[in-house]
Amino acid sequence: DWQNFIKMTAYSCIAIAVTLSFMALFLTERSPG
């Protein structure tokens, strides 16, 4: 289904964005200063 495909793509993009933001937050907290 086309609508289901769009929904899955949106969820994938959101999941990737959340993962990248958590990784960035983790790296910035680990860095000195």
PDB file of N, CA and C in Angstrom:
ATOM      1  N   ASP A   1       0.857  -1.201   0.000  1.00  0.00           N
ATOM      2  CA  ASP A   1       0.000   0.000   0.000  1.00  0.00           C
ATOM      3  C   ASP A   1       0.885   1.241   0.000  1.00  0.00           C
ATOM      4  N   TRP A   2       0.523   2.240  -0.807  1.00  0.00           N
ATOM      5  CA  TRP A   2       1.330   3.453  -0.945  1.00  0.00           C
ATOM      6  C   TRP A   2       1.354   4.246   0.360  1.00  0.00           C
ATOM      7  N   GLN A   3       0.192   4.355   1.032  1.00  0.00           N
ATOM      8  CA  GLN A   3       0.141   5.124   2.270  1.00  0.00           C
ATOM      9  C   GLN A   3       0.991   4.451   3.351  1.00  0.00           C
ATOM     10  N   ASN A   4       0.947   3.128   3.402  1.00  0.00           N
ATOM     11  CA  ASN A   4       1.743   2.396   4.383  1.00  0.00           C
ATOM     12  C   ASN A   4       3.229   2.595   4.114  1.00  0.00           C
ATOM     13  N   PHE A   5       3.612   2.617   2.826  1.00  0.00           N
ATOM     14  CA  PHE A   5       5.012   2.829   2.461  1.00  0.00           C
ATOM     15  C   PHE A   5       5.482   4.202   2.921  1.00  0.00           C
ATOM     16  N   ILE A   6       4.644   5.223   2.725  1.00  0.00           N
ATOM     17  CA  ILE A   6       4.990   6.582   3.153  1.00  0.00           C
ATOM     18  C   ILE A   6       5.135   6.623   4.674  1.00  0.00           C
ATOM     19  N   LYS A   7       4.242   5.942   5.373  1.00  0.00           N
ATOM     20  CA  LYS A   7       4.286   5.937   6.840  1.00  0.00           C
ATOM     21  C   LYS A   7       5.571   5.268   7.326  1.00  0.00           C
ATOM     22  N   MET A   8       5.940   4.140   6.711  1.00  0.00           N
ATOM     23  CA  MET A   8       7.159   3.443   7.113  1.00  0.00           C
ATOM     24  C   MET A   8       8.392   4.296   6.824  1.00  0.00           C
ATOM     25  N   THR A   9       8.385   4.999   5.689  1.00  0.00           N
ATOM     26  CA  THR A   9       9.515   5.858   5.348  1.00  0.00           C
ATOM     27  C   THR A   9       9.647   6.994   6.354  1.00  0.00           C
ATOM     28  N   ALA A  10       8.512   7.577   6.749  1.00  0.00           N
ATOM     29  CA  ALA A  10       8.535   8.668   7.726  1.00  0.00           C
ATOM     30  C   ALA A  10       9.069   8.162   9.062  1.00  0.00           C
ATOM     31  N   TYR A  11       8.604   6.994   9.505  1.00  0.00           N
ATOM     32  CA  TYR A  11       9.076   6.440  10.777  1.00  0.00           C
ATOM     33  C   TYR A  11      10.572   6.146  10.709  1.00  0.00           C
ATOM     34  N   SER A  12      11.057   5.667   9.554  1.00  0.00           N
ATOM     35  CA  SER A  12      12.483   5.377   9.410  1.00  0.00           C
ATOM     36  C   SER A  12      13.297   6.661   9.517  1.00  0.00           C
ATOM     37  N   CYS A  13      12.846   7.719   8.852  1.00  0.00           N
ATOM     38  CA  CYS A  13      13.557   9.000   8.908  1.00  0.00           C
ATOM     39  C   CYS A  13      13.570   9.534  10.334  1.00  0.00           C
ATOM     40  N   ILE A  14      12.442   9.425  11.033  1.00  0.00           N
ATOM     41  CA  ILE A  14      12.362   9.908  12.412  1.00  0.00           C
ATOM     42  C   ILE A  14      13.309   9.100  13.297  1.00  0.00           C
ATOM     43  N   ALA A  15      13.328   7.785  13.117  1.00  0.00           N
ATOM     44  CA  ALA A  15      14.200   6.935  13.932  1.00  0.00           C
ATOM     45  C   ALA A  15      15.668   7.284  13.697  1.00  0.00           C
ATOM     46  N   ILE A  16      16.042   7.521  12.439  1.00  0.00           N
ATOM     47  CA  ILE A  16      17.429   7.876  12.121  1.00  0.00           C
ATOM     48  C   ILE A  16      17.775   9.230  12.733  1.00  0.00           C
ATOM     49  N   ALA A  17      16.853  10.192  12.649  1.00  0.00           N
ATOM     50  CA  ALA A  17      17.103  11.520  13.209  1.00  0.00           C
ATOM     51  C   ALA A  17      17.285  11.443  14.724  1.00  0.00           C
ATOM     52  N   VAL A  18      16.435  10.655  15.385  1.00  0.00           N
ATOM     53  CA  VAL A  18      16.538  10.513  16.843  1.00  0.00           C
ATOM     54  C   VAL A  18      17.864   9.850  17.215  1.00  0.00           C
ATOM     55  N   THR A  19      18.248   8.808  16.465  1.00  0.00           N
ATOM     56  CA  THR A  19      19.507   8.119  16.757  1.00  0.00           C
ATOM     57  C   THR A  19      20.694   9.059  16.583  1.00  0.00           C
ATOM     58  N   LEU A  20      20.693   9.845  15.495  1.00  0.00           N
ATOM     59  CA  LEU A  20      21.794  10.774  15.262  1.00  0.00           C
ATOM     60  C   LEU A  20      21.846  11.844  16.347  1.00  0.00           C
ATOM     61  N   SER A  21      20.691  12.335  16.781  1.00  0.00           N
ATOM     62  CA  SER A  21      20.668  13.371  17.817  1.00  0.00           C
ATOM     63  C   SER A  21      21.194  12.810  19.139  1.00  0.00           C
ATOM     64  N   PHE A  22      20.821  11.558  19.466  1.00  0.00           N
ATOM     65  CA  PHE A  22      21.319  10.947  20.701  1.00  0.00           C
ATOM     66  C   PHE A  22      22.829  10.730  20.614  1.00  0.00           C
ATOM     67  N   MET A  23      23.321  10.311  19.442  1.00  0.00           N
ATOM     68  CA  MET A  23      24.755  10.114  19.271  1.00  0.00           C
ATOM     69  C   MET A  23      25.500  11.433  19.411  1.00  0.00           C
ATOM     70  N   ALA A  24      24.965  12.500  18.821  1.00  0.00           N
ATOM     71  CA  ALA A  24      25.602  13.814  18.920  1.00  0.00           C
ATOM     72  C   ALA A  24      25.622  14.285  20.373  1.00  0.00           C
ATOM     73  N   LEU A  25      24.511  14.095  21.077  1.00  0.00           N
ATOM     74  CA  LEU A  25      24.438  14.490  22.480  1.00  0.00           C
ATOM     75  C   LEU A  25      25.455  13.702  23.303  1.00  0.00           C
ATOM     76  N   PHE A  26      25.569  12.401  23.044  1.00  0.00           N
ATOM     77  CA  PHE A  26      26.509  11.551  23.769  1.00  0.00           C
ATOM     78  C   PHE A  26      27.946  11.994  23.504  1.00  0.00           C
ATOM     79  N   LEU A  27      28.258  12.285  22.227  1.00  0.00           N
ATOM     80  CA  LEU A  27      29.622  12.685  21.878  1.00  0.00           C
ATOM     81  C   LEU A  27      29.960  14.039  22.486  1.00  0.00           C
ATOM     82  N   THR A  28      29.027  14.976  22.487  1.00  0.00           N
ATOM     83  CA  THR A  28      29.305  16.305  23.035  1.00  0.00           C
ATOM     84  C   THR A  28      29.458  16.233  24.546  1.00  0.00           C
ATOM     85  N   GLU A  29      28.734  15.325  25.198  1.00  0.00           N
ATOM     86  CA  GLU A  29      28.863  15.193  26.645  1.00  0.00           C
ATOM     87  C   GLU A  29      30.181  14.516  27.013  1.00  0.00           C
ATOM     88  N   ARG A  30      30.664  13.627  26.156  1.00  0.00           N
ATOM     89  CA  ARG A  30      31.912  12.916  26.432  1.00  0.00           C
ATOM     90  C   ARG A  30      33.129  13.800  26.165  1.00  0.00           C
ATOM     91  N   SER A  31      32.999  14.765  25.252  1.00  0.00           N
ATOM     92  CA  SER A  31      34.142  15.610  24.912  1.00  0.00           C
ATOM     93  C   SER A  31      34.465  16.559  26.068  1.00  0.00           C
ATOM     94  N   PRO A  32      35.739  16.871  26.283  1.00  0.00           N
ATOM     95  CA  PRO A  32      36.123  17.767  27.382  1.00  0.00           C
ATOM     96  C   PRO A  32      35.631  19.185  27.159  1.00  0.00           C
ATOM     97  N   GLY A  33      35.264  19.850  28.227  1.00  0.00           N
ATOM     98  CA  GLY A  33      34.756  21.209  28.107  1.00  0.00           C
ATOM     99  C   GLY A  33      33.282  21.189  27.907  1.00  0.00           C
TER     100      GLY A  33
END
